[in-house]
């Protein structure tokens, strides 16, 4: 791996780290009701919205009420988006000459579930399936709403961990509004301007007909790309305006645009660790959580970068895979020349960790080990940065498993933040841990055992085909949305099964997390003792890291052995 690649990786992580404290402190002020710079402008709009909708901002909710509001909000958003997609041919900015992919009921259902759960799994090509109206009023709006709802759940979870002898976690509607007004809207406006400056289109022009150098005519879509592009990353959504997603020059025209988009994915989830530390009164603990994330992120970067730069040993010796002044070397298949291996790998690792499938290269073309890295990132369950709001409770769930194991080793009741992890709390943790692995492995097995599932393998079979299927359900459960493009997922079977997996990854994980927060909020903390494991220590960080790896390995190692690991051994034998 070259020095320039290491410097680029280090520069990205340095910028993210420098932004963690100011952004995290800002979000803590927003959700604690403290004064912020935007209050004079936004508070009147917030009060007016509450008056129009009948929301009582001072009325708080129990965890059951909060979870119910979250689920209902998601279901209503899914229904409204489904209606827009089914009726888009009757709505403005629909060009029937170019909309060649029919929006069937099952595809519309899958897409609506996808965007309402921040998965933005796309079994369609944006240029040939979505009108400008659907992209803006349907998908972009849902990116704001779904992203803000996820952040609201994360805030409620933090409150539950911070409160003592309380029965409520806040008000979902207040957290939702403040997430949109104070966090997502300001950042989106600035980010959209920056991307437009870099060449991302923001218009409602009709499709352009161009003649290529070879003579054939090409249809080029434009549209309001910048508006969708920034919020898909900030809200950890990931759905691309175009079929090629972040590899398309209109979505991602320059290395600077790519860097801005990667920061948009990582900064808010990373900074939320500092928000968490401040709100629970243990900022050093928040920094330990961030350090564990950065460590695992860096390991993934180095492994994926090494694998892609090393290339494929099966290529003839006459084809050099070594980097030089004349070529990038390594495995350039599926990668944009303007980004190369280094930036493609950075994007692959960032998107797979950030629950945002906004990739700029085709991961299906990666080497087996290179492609396994984003797969493992998703199988870890959003604990490395993760989704907006969801990343924090993902890593805390793993931390609680680590503390439970530590408590067993020393013969003490495990505790976290001075509160005991009892039978009720353990059940919520186990529900959370098992929900993801069951949905991923069950549907992967169903797909490889049925004709409907195998029919999606239009390019590859064998070990790589198995990896394509496993990757699809891991992505759906992680609410990520990226895929191995060799799998044709636009069928009734995949539209239905991935939709179920997406809902499990969204609601099946958020509800146990809120339940756990409610149980912790009701407890009275006890003082730390000599037997308490400090959560700001290196020993805790090491325990957390190994617990995450062991829990994931116990669930998924056999599947990885049948897919990318076996493919790698076949390649290098």
Protein backbone atom coordinates (compact mmCIF):
# COMPACT_ATOMS: atom_id res chain seq x y z
CA UNK A 1 0.00 0.00 0.00
CA UNK A 2 1.40 3.38 -1.00
CA UNK A 3 2.25 6.27 1.28
CA UNK A 4 -0.23 8.49 -0.54
CA UNK A 5 -3.03 6.03 0.23
CA UNK A 6 -2.14 5.96 3.93
CA UNK A 7 -1.99 9.76 4.01
CA UNK A 8 -5.43 10.02 2.41
CA UNK A 9 -6.92 7.58 4.93
CA UNK A 10 -5.25 9.47 7.79
CA UNK A 11 -6.45 12.84 6.51
CA UNK A 12 -10.05 11.62 6.35
CA UNK A 13 -10.00 10.22 9.88
CA UNK A 14 -8.25 13.34 11.17
CA UNK A 15 -10.95 15.64 9.76
CA UNK A 16 -13.69 13.42 11.19
CA UNK A 17 -11.98 13.38 14.59
CA UNK A 18 -11.58 17.17 14.63
CA UNK A 19 -15.31 17.57 13.97
CA UNK A 20 -16.48 15.05 16.60
CA UNK A 21 -16.30 17.43 19.56
CA UNK A 22 -17.95 20.58 18.10
CA UNK A 23 -20.65 18.68 16.23
CA UNK A 24 -21.29 16.34 19.16
CA UNK A 25 -21.57 19.25 21.59
CA UNK A 26 -23.97 21.04 19.22
CA UNK A 27 -26.28 18.01 19.02
CA UNK A 28 -26.18 17.63 22.80
CA UNK A 29 -27.35 21.24 23.13
CA UNK A 30 -30.08 20.76 20.54
CA UNK A 31 -31.61 17.70 22.18
CA UNK A 32 -31.12 18.92 25.74
CA UNK A 33 -33.13 22.06 24.99
CA UNK A 34 -30.20 24.43 25.44
CA UNK A 35 -29.74 27.60 23.37
CA UNK A 36 -28.14 27.36 19.93
CA UNK A 37 -27.23 29.78 17.15
CA UNK A 38 -30.31 28.85 15.08
CA UNK A 39 -32.90 29.33 17.85
CA UNK A 40 -34.09 32.86 16.86
CA UNK A 41 -34.88 31.61 13.36
CA UNK A 42 -36.12 28.10 14.05
CA UNK A 43 -37.96 28.30 17.38
CA UNK A 44 -40.91 30.33 15.96
CA UNK A 45 -41.23 27.84 13.09
CA UNK A 46 -41.08 24.96 15.57
CA UNK A 47 -43.83 26.46 17.76
CA UNK A 48 -46.02 27.13 14.71
CA UNK A 49 -45.64 23.55 13.54
CA UNK A 50 -46.63 22.20 16.96
CA UNK A 51 -49.67 24.48 16.98
CA UNK A 52 -50.76 23.31 13.52
CA UNK A 53 -50.27 19.61 14.27
CA UNK A 54 -51.58 19.64 17.84
CA UNK A 55 -48.35 18.31 19.35
CA UNK A 56 -47.84 19.05 23.05
CA UNK A 57 -44.03 19.46 23.24
CA UNK A 58 -43.91 19.22 27.04
CA UNK A 59 -45.73 15.87 27.08
CA UNK A 60 -43.23 13.00 27.20
CA UNK A 61 -43.69 9.37 26.18
CA UNK A 62 -42.94 6.03 27.76
CA UNK A 63 -40.70 3.75 25.73
CA UNK A 64 -43.74 1.85 24.47
CA UNK A 65 -45.41 5.07 23.29
CA UNK A 66 -42.19 6.30 21.73
CA UNK A 67 -41.69 3.02 19.86
CA UNK A 68 -45.32 3.07 18.74
CA UNK A 69 -44.99 6.60 17.34
CA UNK A 70 -41.78 5.62 15.56
CA UNK A 71 -43.37 2.55 13.93
CA UNK A 72 -46.56 4.39 12.93
CA UNK A 73 -44.54 7.25 11.45
CA UNK A 74 -42.48 4.78 9.42
CA UNK A 75 -45.56 2.91 8.17
CA UNK A 76 -47.34 6.11 7.13
CA UNK A 77 -44.23 7.27 5.28
CA UNK A 78 -44.05 3.90 3.52
CA UNK A 79 -47.69 4.13 2.42
CA UNK A 80 -47.41 7.69 1.12
CA UNK A 81 -44.26 6.89 -0.85
CA UNK A 82 -45.87 3.76 -2.27
CA UNK A 83 -48.78 5.85 -3.54
CA UNK A 84 -46.44 8.37 -5.18
CA UNK A 85 -44.48 5.63 -6.92
CA UNK A 86 -47.58 3.86 -8.20
CA UNK A 87 -49.09 7.11 -9.52
CA UNK A 88 -45.94 8.80 -10.80
CA UNK A 89 -47.04 8.56 -14.45
CA UNK A 90 -49.90 10.95 -13.59
CA UNK A 91 -47.69 13.39 -11.70
CA UNK A 92 -45.38 16.18 -12.98
CA UNK A 93 -41.95 15.65 -14.59
CA UNK A 94 -42.70 12.16 -15.85
CA UNK A 95 -41.13 11.38 -19.24
CA UNK A 96 -42.71 8.15 -20.53
CA UNK A 97 -40.21 7.84 -23.38
CA UNK A 98 -37.41 7.30 -20.86
CA UNK A 99 -39.23 5.55 -17.98
CA UNK A 100 -38.68 2.05 -19.33
CA UNK A 101 -38.61 0.15 -16.00
CA UNK A 102 -42.21 -0.52 -14.89
CA UNK A 103 -42.95 0.34 -11.28
CA UNK A 104 -44.70 -2.93 -10.43
CA UNK A 105 -46.56 -3.32 -7.12
CA UNK A 106 -43.83 -5.44 -5.56
CA UNK A 107 -41.04 -3.10 -6.72
CA UNK A 108 -42.94 -0.04 -5.48
CA UNK A 109 -43.52 -1.76 -2.13
CA UNK A 110 -39.86 -2.70 -1.81
CA UNK A 111 -38.71 0.82 -2.71
CA UNK A 112 -41.16 2.45 -0.30
CA UNK A 113 -40.03 0.21 2.56
CA UNK A 114 -36.44 0.79 1.55
CA UNK A 115 -36.56 4.58 1.74
CA UNK A 116 -38.78 4.66 4.83
CA UNK A 117 -36.21 2.55 6.71
CA UNK A 118 -33.15 4.54 5.47
CA UNK A 119 -32.01 1.41 3.61
CA UNK A 120 -32.57 2.83 0.12
CA UNK A 121 -32.02 -0.59 -1.37
CA UNK A 122 -32.50 -0.09 -5.11
CA UNK A 123 -33.70 -2.91 -7.31
CA UNK A 124 -34.24 -0.41 -10.13
CA UNK A 125 -32.25 2.05 -12.26
CA UNK A 126 -33.01 5.63 -11.22
CA UNK A 127 -32.82 7.07 -14.74
CA UNK A 128 -35.32 4.58 -16.16
CA UNK A 129 -37.71 4.09 -13.23
CA UNK A 130 -38.05 7.33 -11.22
CA UNK A 131 -39.55 10.63 -12.37
CA UNK A 132 -38.11 13.90 -11.08
CA UNK A 133 -41.26 14.29 -8.94
CA UNK A 134 -40.75 10.87 -7.36
CA UNK A 135 -37.07 11.65 -6.74
CA UNK A 136 -37.76 14.99 -5.01
CA UNK A 137 -41.19 14.75 -3.38
CA UNK A 138 -40.99 11.03 -2.71
CA UNK A 139 -37.41 9.92 -2.15
CA UNK A 140 -35.70 13.12 -1.01
CA UNK A 141 -38.44 14.00 1.46
CA UNK A 142 -38.40 10.47 2.83
CA UNK A 143 -34.63 10.69 3.22
CA UNK A 144 -35.14 13.66 5.55
CA UNK A 145 -38.00 12.10 7.49
CA UNK A 146 -36.54 8.61 7.87
CA UNK A 147 -33.09 9.94 8.77
CA UNK A 148 -34.56 12.29 11.37
CA UNK A 149 -36.69 9.49 12.84
CA UNK A 150 -33.58 7.34 13.28
CA UNK A 151 -31.77 10.20 14.98
CA UNK A 152 -34.77 10.73 17.26
CA UNK A 153 -34.68 7.08 18.38
CA UNK A 154 -30.97 7.42 19.08
CA UNK A 155 -31.63 10.49 21.22
CA UNK A 156 -34.38 8.70 23.14
CA UNK A 157 -32.04 5.78 23.76
CA UNK A 158 -29.39 8.14 25.15
CA UNK A 159 -31.93 9.79 27.45
CA UNK A 160 -32.94 6.40 28.80
CA UNK A 161 -29.35 5.55 29.61
CA UNK A 162 -28.83 8.96 31.25
CA UNK A 163 -32.01 9.25 33.35
CA UNK A 164 -32.60 7.82 36.82
CA UNK A 165 -35.93 6.59 38.19
CA UNK A 166 -37.77 7.92 35.13
CA UNK A 167 -40.65 6.46 33.15
CA UNK A 168 -40.33 8.51 29.95
CA UNK A 169 -37.78 8.97 27.17
CA UNK A 170 -38.90 12.28 25.67
CA UNK A 171 -41.34 13.16 22.90
CA UNK A 172 -40.83 11.51 19.50
CA UNK A 173 -42.41 14.37 17.56
CA UNK A 174 -40.25 16.99 19.26
CA UNK A 175 -37.09 14.98 18.64
CA UNK A 176 -38.14 14.46 15.02
CA UNK A 177 -38.72 18.16 14.39
CA UNK A 178 -35.49 19.23 16.06
CA UNK A 179 -33.56 16.59 14.10
CA UNK A 180 -34.86 18.04 10.83
CA UNK A 181 -34.81 21.77 11.65
CA UNK A 182 -31.61 22.02 13.70
CA UNK A 183 -29.46 19.26 12.22
CA UNK A 184 -30.39 17.96 8.77
CA UNK A 185 -31.80 21.06 7.03
CA UNK A 186 -28.89 23.46 7.76
CA UNK A 187 -26.25 20.90 6.84
CA UNK A 188 -28.15 19.84 3.72
CA UNK A 189 -28.44 23.40 2.44
CA UNK A 190 -24.71 24.00 2.84
CA UNK A 191 -23.80 20.58 1.47
CA UNK A 192 -26.06 20.91 -1.59
CA UNK A 193 -24.45 24.25 -2.48
CA UNK A 194 -20.98 22.73 -2.17
CA UNK A 195 -21.91 19.81 -4.40
CA UNK A 196 -23.53 22.08 -6.98
CA UNK A 197 -20.31 24.11 -6.95
CA UNK A 198 -18.43 20.89 -7.74
CA UNK A 199 -20.67 20.15 -10.73
CA UNK A 200 -23.59 18.12 -9.36
CA UNK A 201 -26.73 19.11 -11.35
CA UNK A 202 -29.66 20.83 -9.68
CA UNK A 203 -32.33 21.43 -12.30
CA UNK A 204 -35.55 20.08 -13.80
CA UNK A 205 -34.34 19.89 -17.41
CA UNK A 206 -35.57 17.17 -19.70
CA UNK A 207 -33.29 14.27 -20.61
CA UNK A 208 -30.47 15.25 -22.97
CA UNK A 209 -29.78 13.41 -26.22
CA UNK A 210 -26.06 13.28 -27.05
CA UNK A 211 -24.09 11.71 -29.87
CA UNK A 212 -21.01 9.79 -28.74
CA UNK A 213 -17.65 9.83 -30.53
CA UNK A 214 -18.46 6.43 -32.03
CA UNK A 215 -21.73 7.68 -33.48
CA UNK A 216 -24.53 6.10 -31.36
CA UNK A 217 -26.91 8.40 -29.47
CA UNK A 218 -26.96 8.42 -25.66
CA UNK A 219 -29.73 9.56 -23.31
CA UNK A 220 -28.43 11.52 -20.32
CA UNK A 221 -30.65 12.31 -17.34
CA UNK A 222 -30.03 15.43 -15.27
CA UNK A 223 -32.50 16.63 -12.65
CA UNK A 224 -32.41 17.84 -9.03
CA UNK A 225 -29.47 15.64 -8.10
CA UNK A 226 -27.70 17.84 -5.52
CA UNK A 227 -30.77 17.98 -3.25
CA UNK A 228 -31.00 14.20 -3.06
CA UNK A 229 -27.27 13.58 -2.99
CA UNK A 230 -26.46 15.44 0.23
CA UNK A 231 -29.36 14.20 2.34
CA UNK A 232 -28.87 10.61 1.21
CA UNK A 233 -25.46 10.81 2.88
CA UNK A 234 -26.29 12.99 5.89
CA UNK A 235 -29.34 10.89 6.72
CA UNK A 236 -27.33 7.69 6.21
CA UNK A 237 -29.75 6.66 3.49
CA UNK A 238 -27.67 6.04 0.37
CA UNK A 239 -30.11 5.75 -2.53
CA UNK A 240 -28.61 7.12 -5.72
CA UNK A 241 -30.34 9.40 -8.20
CA UNK A 242 -28.71 7.29 -10.92
CA UNK A 243 -28.29 3.55 -11.22
CA UNK A 244 -24.50 3.81 -10.85
CA UNK A 245 -24.99 5.70 -7.55
CA UNK A 246 -21.83 7.48 -6.37
CA UNK A 247 -19.86 6.20 -9.36
CA UNK A 248 -21.92 8.42 -11.69
CA UNK A 249 -20.13 11.68 -12.59
CA UNK A 250 -23.29 13.71 -11.98
CA UNK A 251 -23.59 12.39 -8.43
CA UNK A 252 -19.90 12.43 -7.65
CA UNK A 253 -17.93 14.47 -10.19
CA UNK A 254 -14.65 15.21 -8.37
CA UNK A 255 -12.43 13.85 -5.57
CA UNK A 256 -13.43 16.87 -3.47
CA UNK A 257 -17.13 16.09 -3.96
CA UNK A 258 -16.40 12.51 -2.93
CA UNK A 259 -14.58 13.72 0.20
CA UNK A 260 -17.52 15.98 1.13
CA UNK A 261 -19.96 13.12 0.67
CA UNK A 262 -17.88 10.75 2.80
CA UNK A 263 -17.69 13.37 5.57
CA UNK A 264 -21.47 13.76 5.36
CA UNK A 265 -21.83 10.03 5.99
CA UNK A 266 -19.38 9.74 8.89
CA UNK A 267 -19.42 12.97 10.88
CA UNK A 268 -22.87 12.90 12.50
CA UNK A 269 -22.75 9.23 13.66
CA UNK A 270 -19.15 9.69 14.81
CA UNK A 271 -19.97 12.91 16.68
CA UNK A 272 -22.94 11.23 18.34
CA UNK A 273 -20.50 9.30 20.53
CA UNK A 274 -19.49 12.64 22.06
CA UNK A 275 -23.15 13.64 22.34
CA UNK A 276 -23.74 10.39 24.19
CA UNK A 277 -20.82 10.96 26.55
CA UNK A 278 -22.01 14.47 27.40
CA UNK A 279 -25.65 13.48 27.95
CA UNK A 280 -24.81 10.54 30.23
CA UNK A 281 -22.26 12.66 32.10
CA UNK A 282 -19.24 10.55 31.03
CA UNK A 283 -17.49 12.25 28.09
CA UNK A 284 -14.40 10.04 28.45
CA UNK A 285 -16.61 7.00 27.88
CA UNK A 286 -17.90 8.58 24.67
CA UNK A 287 -14.35 9.02 23.44
CA UNK A 288 -13.57 5.35 24.17
CA UNK A 289 -16.54 4.32 22.04
CA UNK A 290 -15.26 6.54 19.25
CA UNK A 291 -11.74 5.11 19.52
CA UNK A 292 -13.07 1.55 19.18
CA UNK A 293 -14.98 2.62 16.07
CA UNK A 294 -11.90 4.24 14.55
CA UNK A 295 -9.75 1.19 15.30
CA UNK A 296 -12.16 -1.21 13.56
CA UNK A 297 -12.64 1.28 10.72
CA UNK A 298 -8.86 1.50 10.20
CA UNK A 299 -8.41 -2.28 10.24
CA UNK A 300 -11.05 -2.60 7.53
CA UNK A 301 -9.39 0.14 5.48
CA UNK A 302 -5.97 -1.50 5.61
CA UNK A 303 -7.23 -5.01 4.78
CA UNK A 304 -9.46 -3.86 1.92
CA UNK A 305 -6.80 -1.52 0.57
CA UNK A 306 -4.15 -4.26 0.67
CA UNK A 307 -6.43 -6.78 -1.04
CA UNK A 308 -7.41 -4.42 -3.86
CA UNK A 309 -3.89 -3.12 -4.42
CA UNK A 310 -2.54 -6.68 -4.43
CA UNK A 311 -4.89 -7.60 -7.28
CA UNK A 312 -5.82 -10.99 -8.69
CA UNK A 313 -2.98 -13.56 -8.84
CA UNK A 314 -4.83 -15.53 -11.53
CA UNK A 315 -4.15 -12.82 -14.11
CA UNK A 316 -1.34 -13.65 -16.58
CA UNK A 317 2.10 -12.57 -15.47
CA UNK A 318 2.30 -10.38 -18.55
CA UNK A 319 -0.33 -8.11 -16.97
CA UNK A 320 1.45 -6.19 -14.23
CA UNK A 321 -0.59 -5.48 -11.12
CA UNK A 322 2.03 -3.25 -9.53
CA UNK A 323 1.41 0.48 -9.23
CA UNK A 324 3.63 2.70 -11.34
CA UNK A 325 3.67 6.12 -12.95
CA UNK A 326 1.82 4.67 -15.93
CA UNK A 327 -0.93 2.72 -14.13
CA UNK A 328 -2.75 2.38 -10.82
CA UNK A 329 -1.91 -1.29 -10.51
CA UNK A 330 -3.93 -3.71 -8.41
CA UNK A 331 -7.56 -4.56 -9.10
CA UNK A 332 -9.10 -1.67 -11.05
CA UNK A 333 -12.10 -3.67 -12.28
CA UNK A 334 -15.32 -1.88 -11.37
CA UNK A 335 -13.54 1.27 -10.19
CA UNK A 336 -13.63 4.77 -11.63
CA UNK A 337 -10.28 6.01 -12.96
CA UNK A 338 -10.88 9.44 -11.42
CA UNK A 339 -10.98 7.85 -7.96
CA UNK A 340 -8.63 4.90 -8.28
CA UNK A 341 -8.17 2.16 -5.72
CA UNK A 342 -7.45 4.38 -2.70
CA UNK A 343 -10.55 6.57 -2.85
CA UNK A 344 -12.74 3.65 -3.92
CA UNK A 345 -11.64 1.63 -0.89
CA UNK A 346 -12.13 4.59 1.46
CA UNK A 347 -15.65 5.02 0.11
CA UNK A 348 -16.41 1.30 0.31
CA UNK A 349 -15.39 1.13 3.97
CA UNK A 350 -17.11 4.40 4.89
CA UNK A 351 -20.40 3.51 3.24
CA UNK A 352 -20.51 -0.03 4.61
CA UNK A 353 -19.84 1.25 8.13
CA UNK A 354 -22.17 4.22 7.91
CA UNK A 355 -25.37 2.41 6.89
CA UNK A 356 -25.20 4.40 3.65
CA UNK A 357 -24.90 2.46 0.43
CA UNK A 358 -23.58 5.43 -1.54
CA UNK A 359 -20.69 3.50 -3.08
CA UNK A 360 -18.56 4.86 -5.94
CA UNK A 361 -17.27 1.50 -7.24
CA UNK A 362 -18.79 -1.89 -7.92
CA UNK A 363 -18.07 -4.10 -4.91
CA UNK A 364 -19.06 -7.16 -6.89
CA UNK A 365 -15.79 -6.67 -8.81
CA UNK A 366 -13.60 -6.51 -5.71
CA UNK A 367 -11.28 -9.34 -4.77
CA UNK A 368 -12.82 -11.90 -2.37
CA UNK A 369 -11.07 -10.39 0.67
CA UNK A 370 -11.67 -6.83 -0.51
CA UNK A 371 -15.38 -7.50 -0.96
CA UNK A 372 -15.55 -9.35 2.37
CA UNK A 373 -14.55 -6.20 4.28
CA UNK A 374 -17.74 -4.19 3.55
CA UNK A 375 -19.72 -7.40 4.11
CA UNK A 376 -18.21 -7.87 7.59
CA UNK A 377 -18.73 -4.19 8.36
CA UNK A 378 -22.46 -4.65 7.79
CA UNK A 379 -22.56 -7.95 9.67
CA UNK A 380 -21.07 -6.19 12.71
CA UNK A 381 -24.41 -4.43 12.96
CA UNK A 382 -23.81 -0.70 12.45
CA UNK A 383 -21.50 -0.45 15.45
CA UNK A 384 -18.73 1.35 13.50
CA UNK A 385 -20.26 4.84 13.16
CA UNK A 386 -23.47 3.23 11.93
CA UNK A 387 -26.72 4.85 10.91
CA UNK A 388 -27.92 8.25 12.06
CA UNK A 389 -28.92 7.62 15.68
CA UNK A 390 -28.83 3.87 15.32
CA UNK A 391 -25.06 3.57 15.48
CA UNK A 392 -24.88 4.57 19.13
CA UNK A 393 -27.28 1.93 20.43
CA UNK A 394 -25.64 -0.68 18.21
CA UNK A 395 -22.25 -0.26 19.87
CA UNK A 396 -23.82 0.07 23.34
CA UNK A 397 -25.61 -3.26 22.84
CA UNK A 398 -22.27 -4.91 22.13
CA UNK A 399 -20.74 -3.10 25.12
CA UNK A 400 -23.45 -4.55 27.35
CA UNK A 401 -22.67 -8.05 26.10
CA UNK A 402 -19.00 -7.39 26.90
CA UNK A 403 -19.86 -6.21 30.41
CA UNK A 404 -22.14 -9.22 30.93
CA UNK A 405 -19.26 -11.55 30.05
CA UNK A 406 -16.92 -9.59 32.30
CA UNK A 407 -19.41 -9.88 35.15
CA UNK A 408 -19.60 -13.64 34.71
CA UNK A 409 -15.82 -13.93 34.83
CA UNK A 410 -15.55 -12.16 38.18
CA UNK A 411 -18.78 -13.47 39.70
CA UNK A 412 -20.59 -10.12 39.93
CA UNK A 413 -23.88 -8.85 38.57
CA UNK A 414 -22.88 -6.92 35.42
CA UNK A 415 -23.56 -3.20 35.51
CA UNK A 416 -23.32 -0.26 33.13
CA UNK A 417 -23.31 3.41 34.14
CA UNK A 418 -24.04 2.26 37.67
CA UNK A 419 -27.16 0.31 36.60
CA UNK A 420 -27.47 -3.46 36.72
CA UNK A 421 -27.96 -5.67 33.67
CA UNK A 422 -30.68 -7.93 35.02
CA UNK A 423 -32.86 -10.58 33.40
CA UNK A 424 -35.23 -8.09 31.74
CA UNK A 425 -32.36 -6.07 30.28
CA UNK A 426 -30.61 -9.24 29.11
CA UNK A 427 -33.73 -10.32 27.20
CA UNK A 428 -33.82 -7.02 25.30
CA UNK A 429 -30.14 -7.38 24.44
CA UNK A 430 -30.62 -10.93 23.19
CA UNK A 431 -33.65 -9.92 21.10
CA UNK A 432 -31.52 -7.24 19.51
CA UNK A 433 -28.56 -9.55 18.82
CA UNK A 434 -30.65 -12.42 17.45
CA UNK A 435 -33.05 -10.40 15.27
CA UNK A 436 -30.41 -9.46 12.73
CA UNK A 437 -28.63 -12.80 12.44
CA UNK A 438 -31.87 -14.76 12.15
CA UNK A 439 -33.26 -12.61 9.34
CA UNK A 440 -29.97 -12.58 7.39
CA UNK A 441 -29.19 -16.28 7.65
CA UNK A 442 -32.78 -17.49 7.26
CA UNK A 443 -33.43 -15.63 4.02
CA UNK A 444 -29.96 -16.40 2.65
CA UNK A 445 -30.64 -20.10 3.19
CA UNK A 446 -34.08 -19.77 1.61
CA UNK A 447 -32.60 -18.01 -1.43
CA UNK A 448 -29.93 -20.63 -2.11
CA UNK A 449 -32.44 -23.49 -1.70
CA UNK A 450 -35.20 -22.20 -3.99
CA UNK A 451 -35.46 -21.63 -7.73
CA UNK A 452 -36.81 -18.12 -7.13
CA UNK A 453 -33.73 -17.20 -5.11
CA UNK A 454 -31.21 -18.79 -7.47
CA UNK A 455 -32.87 -17.13 -10.46
CA UNK A 456 -31.38 -13.84 -9.30
CA UNK A 457 -27.84 -15.10 -9.99
CA UNK A 458 -27.62 -13.91 -13.59
CA UNK A 459 -23.83 -13.44 -13.68
CA UNK A 460 -22.12 -15.66 -11.10
CA UNK A 461 -22.78 -18.93 -9.33
CA UNK A 462 -20.76 -20.93 -6.82
CA UNK A 463 -18.99 -19.20 -3.97
CA UNK A 464 -19.28 -15.72 -5.49
CA UNK A 465 -22.97 -16.19 -6.16
CA UNK A 466 -23.46 -17.23 -2.54
CA UNK A 467 -21.64 -14.09 -1.42
CA UNK A 468 -23.91 -11.96 -3.61
CA UNK A 469 -26.98 -13.35 -1.85
CA UNK A 470 -25.48 -13.08 1.64
CA UNK A 471 -24.38 -9.52 0.88
CA UNK A 472 -27.91 -8.57 -0.20
CA UNK A 473 -29.56 -9.64 3.06
CA UNK A 474 -26.73 -8.27 5.20
CA UNK A 475 -27.17 -4.93 3.43
CA UNK A 476 -30.95 -5.00 3.87
CA UNK A 477 -30.71 -5.84 7.58
CA UNK A 478 -28.07 -3.16 8.19
CA UNK A 479 -30.37 -0.64 6.43
CA UNK A 480 -27.42 0.04 4.16
CA UNK A 481 -28.66 -0.53 0.62
CA UNK A 482 -25.49 -1.32 -1.32
CA UNK A 483 -25.29 -4.59 -3.21
CA UNK A 484 -23.18 -6.93 -5.28
CA UNK A 485 -24.55 -5.93 -8.66
CA UNK A 486 -24.32 -9.45 -10.07
CA UNK A 487 -27.56 -10.28 -8.25
CA UNK A 488 -30.76 -9.32 -10.07
CA UNK A 489 -32.97 -8.45 -7.12
CA UNK A 490 -35.97 -7.06 -9.01
CA UNK A 491 -38.22 -10.08 -8.60
CA UNK A 492 -41.18 -10.83 -6.38
CA UNK A 493 -39.03 -13.12 -4.24
CA UNK A 494 -36.26 -10.62 -3.54
CA UNK A 495 -38.55 -7.60 -3.34
CA UNK A 496 -40.58 -9.33 -0.63
CA UNK A 497 -37.78 -10.97 1.36
CA UNK A 498 -35.46 -7.95 1.35
CA UNK A 499 -38.40 -5.75 2.42
CA UNK A 500 -39.03 -8.00 5.43
CA UNK A 501 -35.32 -7.97 6.27
CA UNK A 502 -35.23 -4.17 6.03
CA UNK A 503 -38.15 -3.84 8.44
CA UNK A 504 -36.48 -6.22 10.88
CA UNK A 505 -33.29 -4.19 10.65
CA UNK A 506 -35.20 -0.98 11.32
CA UNK A 507 -38.04 -1.75 13.72
CA UNK A 508 -36.90 -5.14 15.03
CA UNK A 509 -33.74 -3.50 16.38
CA UNK A 510 -35.09 -0.09 17.42
CA UNK A 511 -37.87 -1.50 19.60
CA UNK A 512 -35.59 -3.65 21.83
CA UNK A 513 -33.19 -0.69 22.04
CA UNK A 514 -35.97 1.59 23.26
CA UNK A 515 -37.18 -1.11 25.63
CA UNK A 516 -33.70 -1.42 27.10
CA UNK A 517 -33.49 2.36 27.46
CA UNK A 518 -36.80 2.37 29.29
CA UNK A 519 -35.60 -0.31 31.71
CA UNK A 520 -32.36 1.57 32.38
CA UNK A 521 -34.19 4.86 32.86
CA UNK A 522 -36.34 3.30 35.60
CA UNK A 523 -33.33 2.17 37.65
CA UNK A 524 -31.60 3.94 40.51
CA UNK A 525 -27.83 3.91 39.86
CA UNK A 526 -25.44 2.55 42.43
CA UNK A 527 -21.95 3.96 43.11
CA UNK A 528 -18.99 2.35 41.40
CA UNK A 529 -16.96 -0.08 43.48
CA UNK A 530 -13.61 -1.87 43.28
CA UNK A 531 -15.25 -4.57 41.17
CA UNK A 532 -16.64 -2.14 38.59
CA UNK A 533 -14.97 -2.18 35.17
CA UNK A 534 -14.29 1.47 34.21
CA UNK A 535 -15.93 2.20 30.85
CA UNK A 536 -13.32 4.84 29.99
CA UNK A 537 -10.35 2.45 30.25
CA UNK A 538 -8.26 0.66 27.65
CA UNK A 539 -9.28 -2.68 29.16
CA UNK A 540 -12.93 -1.86 28.41
CA UNK A 541 -12.04 -0.80 24.85
CA UNK A 542 -10.18 -4.08 24.25
CA UNK A 543 -13.01 -6.13 25.75
CA UNK A 544 -15.56 -4.30 23.60
CA UNK A 545 -13.53 -4.82 20.42
CA UNK A 546 -13.02 -8.55 20.93
CA UNK A 547 -16.64 -9.08 21.98
CA UNK A 548 -17.85 -7.47 18.76
CA UNK A 549 -15.61 -9.70 16.67
CA UNK A 550 -16.43 -12.89 18.60
CA UNK A 551 -20.21 -12.37 18.58
CA UNK A 552 -20.17 -11.69 14.83
CA UNK A 553 -17.89 -14.66 14.15
CA UNK A 554 -20.13 -17.03 16.11
CA UNK A 555 -23.08 -15.94 13.98
CA UNK A 556 -21.59 -15.55 10.53
CA UNK A 557 -18.23 -17.33 10.19
CA UNK A 558 -19.73 -20.48 8.57
CA UNK A 559 -21.45 -18.29 5.97
CA UNK A 560 -18.25 -16.33 5.31
CA UNK A 561 -16.36 -19.60 4.99
CA UNK A 562 -18.76 -20.76 2.26
CA UNK A 563 -18.50 -17.45 0.42
CA UNK A 564 -15.58 -15.02 0.27
CA UNK A 565 -13.09 -17.10 2.28
CA UNK A 566 -13.53 -20.17 0.09
CA UNK A 567 -13.41 -18.00 -3.03
CA UNK A 568 -10.13 -16.46 -1.84
CA UNK A 569 -8.57 -19.87 -1.14
CA UNK A 570 -9.67 -21.05 -4.60
CA UNK A 571 -8.10 -17.97 -6.16
CA UNK A 572 -4.69 -18.28 -4.46
CA UNK A 573 -4.26 -22.06 -4.49
